[in-house]
Protein backbone atom coordinates (compact mmCIF):
# COMPACT_ATOMS: atom_id res chain seq x y z
CA MET A 1 0.00 0.00 0.00
CA ASP A 2 1.44 3.34 -1.03
CA SER A 3 0.75 6.41 1.09
CA ASN A 4 1.19 10.09 0.39
CA TYR A 5 2.18 10.66 4.03
CA ILE A 6 5.43 10.08 5.86
CA LYS A 7 6.17 9.97 9.59
CA VAL A 8 8.32 12.88 10.79
CA PHE A 9 7.95 12.57 14.57
CA GLY A 10 7.15 10.09 17.30
CA GLY A 11 7.09 11.04 20.97
CA ASN A 12 5.04 12.38 23.84
CA ASN A 13 1.91 14.51 23.57
CA ILE A 14 3.51 17.76 24.77
CA GLU A 15 6.28 17.68 22.16
CA ALA A 16 3.81 16.64 19.49
CA LYS A 17 1.55 19.62 20.20
CA ARG A 18 4.54 22.02 19.98
CA ILE A 19 5.58 20.52 16.66
CA GLU A 20 2.01 20.55 15.36
CA LEU A 21 1.77 24.29 16.12
CA ILE A 22 5.09 25.09 14.41
CA LEU A 23 4.12 23.08 11.33
CA LYS A 24 0.73 24.78 11.05
CA GLU A 25 2.36 28.22 11.43
CA ASN A 26 4.49 27.29 8.40
CA ASN A 27 1.55 26.15 6.25
CA ILE A 28 2.15 22.43 6.73
CA VAL A 29 -0.92 20.42 7.68
CA PRO A 30 0.18 17.61 10.01
CA ILE A 31 -1.76 14.44 10.75
CA LEU A 32 -1.48 13.32 14.37
CA LYS A 33 -1.91 9.68 15.30
CA ASP A 34 -2.42 9.22 19.05
CA GLU A 35 -2.33 5.51 19.90
CA LYS A 36 -3.26 6.09 23.56
CA GLU A 37 -6.31 8.17 22.70
CA SER A 38 -7.40 5.76 19.97
CA ALA A 39 -7.16 2.84 22.39
CA ARG A 40 -9.05 4.74 25.08
CA LEU A 41 -11.88 5.61 22.70
CA ALA A 42 -12.10 1.97 21.59
CA GLY A 43 -12.22 0.76 25.20
CA PHE A 44 -8.76 -0.80 25.25
CA GLY A 45 -5.51 0.01 26.97
CA THR A 46 -2.15 0.39 25.31
CA PRO A 47 1.35 -0.37 26.60
CA GLN A 48 2.73 2.60 24.63
CA GLN A 49 2.02 5.49 26.96
CA GLU A 50 2.11 8.97 25.46
CA LEU A 51 3.06 7.86 21.95
CA VAL A 52 1.94 10.37 19.34
CA GLU A 53 3.10 10.20 15.74
CA ILE A 54 3.07 13.09 13.29
CA TYR A 55 2.75 12.56 9.55
CA VAL A 56 3.02 15.09 6.72
CA TYR A 57 2.72 14.92 2.95
CA LYS A 58 5.84 13.43 1.37
CA ASP A 59 6.57 16.62 -0.55
CA GLU A 60 6.62 18.59 2.75
CA GLU A 61 8.91 16.17 4.57
CA GLU A 62 12.16 18.12 4.13
CA LYS A 63 10.65 21.42 5.30
CA ALA A 64 8.93 19.71 8.26
CA LEU A 65 12.11 17.96 9.38
CA THR A 66 14.05 21.24 9.14
CA LEU A 67 11.48 22.98 11.35
CA ILE A 68 11.50 20.12 13.87
CA THR A 69 15.29 20.15 14.00
CA GLN A 70 15.34 23.92 14.56
CA LEU A 71 12.76 23.57 17.32
CA ASN A 72 14.82 20.94 19.12
CA SER A 73 18.10 22.88 18.82
């Protein structure tokens, strides 16, 4: 299966929200995948506490990774 999205971040919810804000401020629309919240809504638990993944379009990957790197510097 081919996807137009690529993962650019995986970590806790606080960092993910910071990165989401920076990406949106730079006209990149991120997709957040929160395993903990998905499991909670489905009525299950998950051993991966606080794992949030951020995906962006493949053609925005380089710009997104540059912004994330600058944020973490």
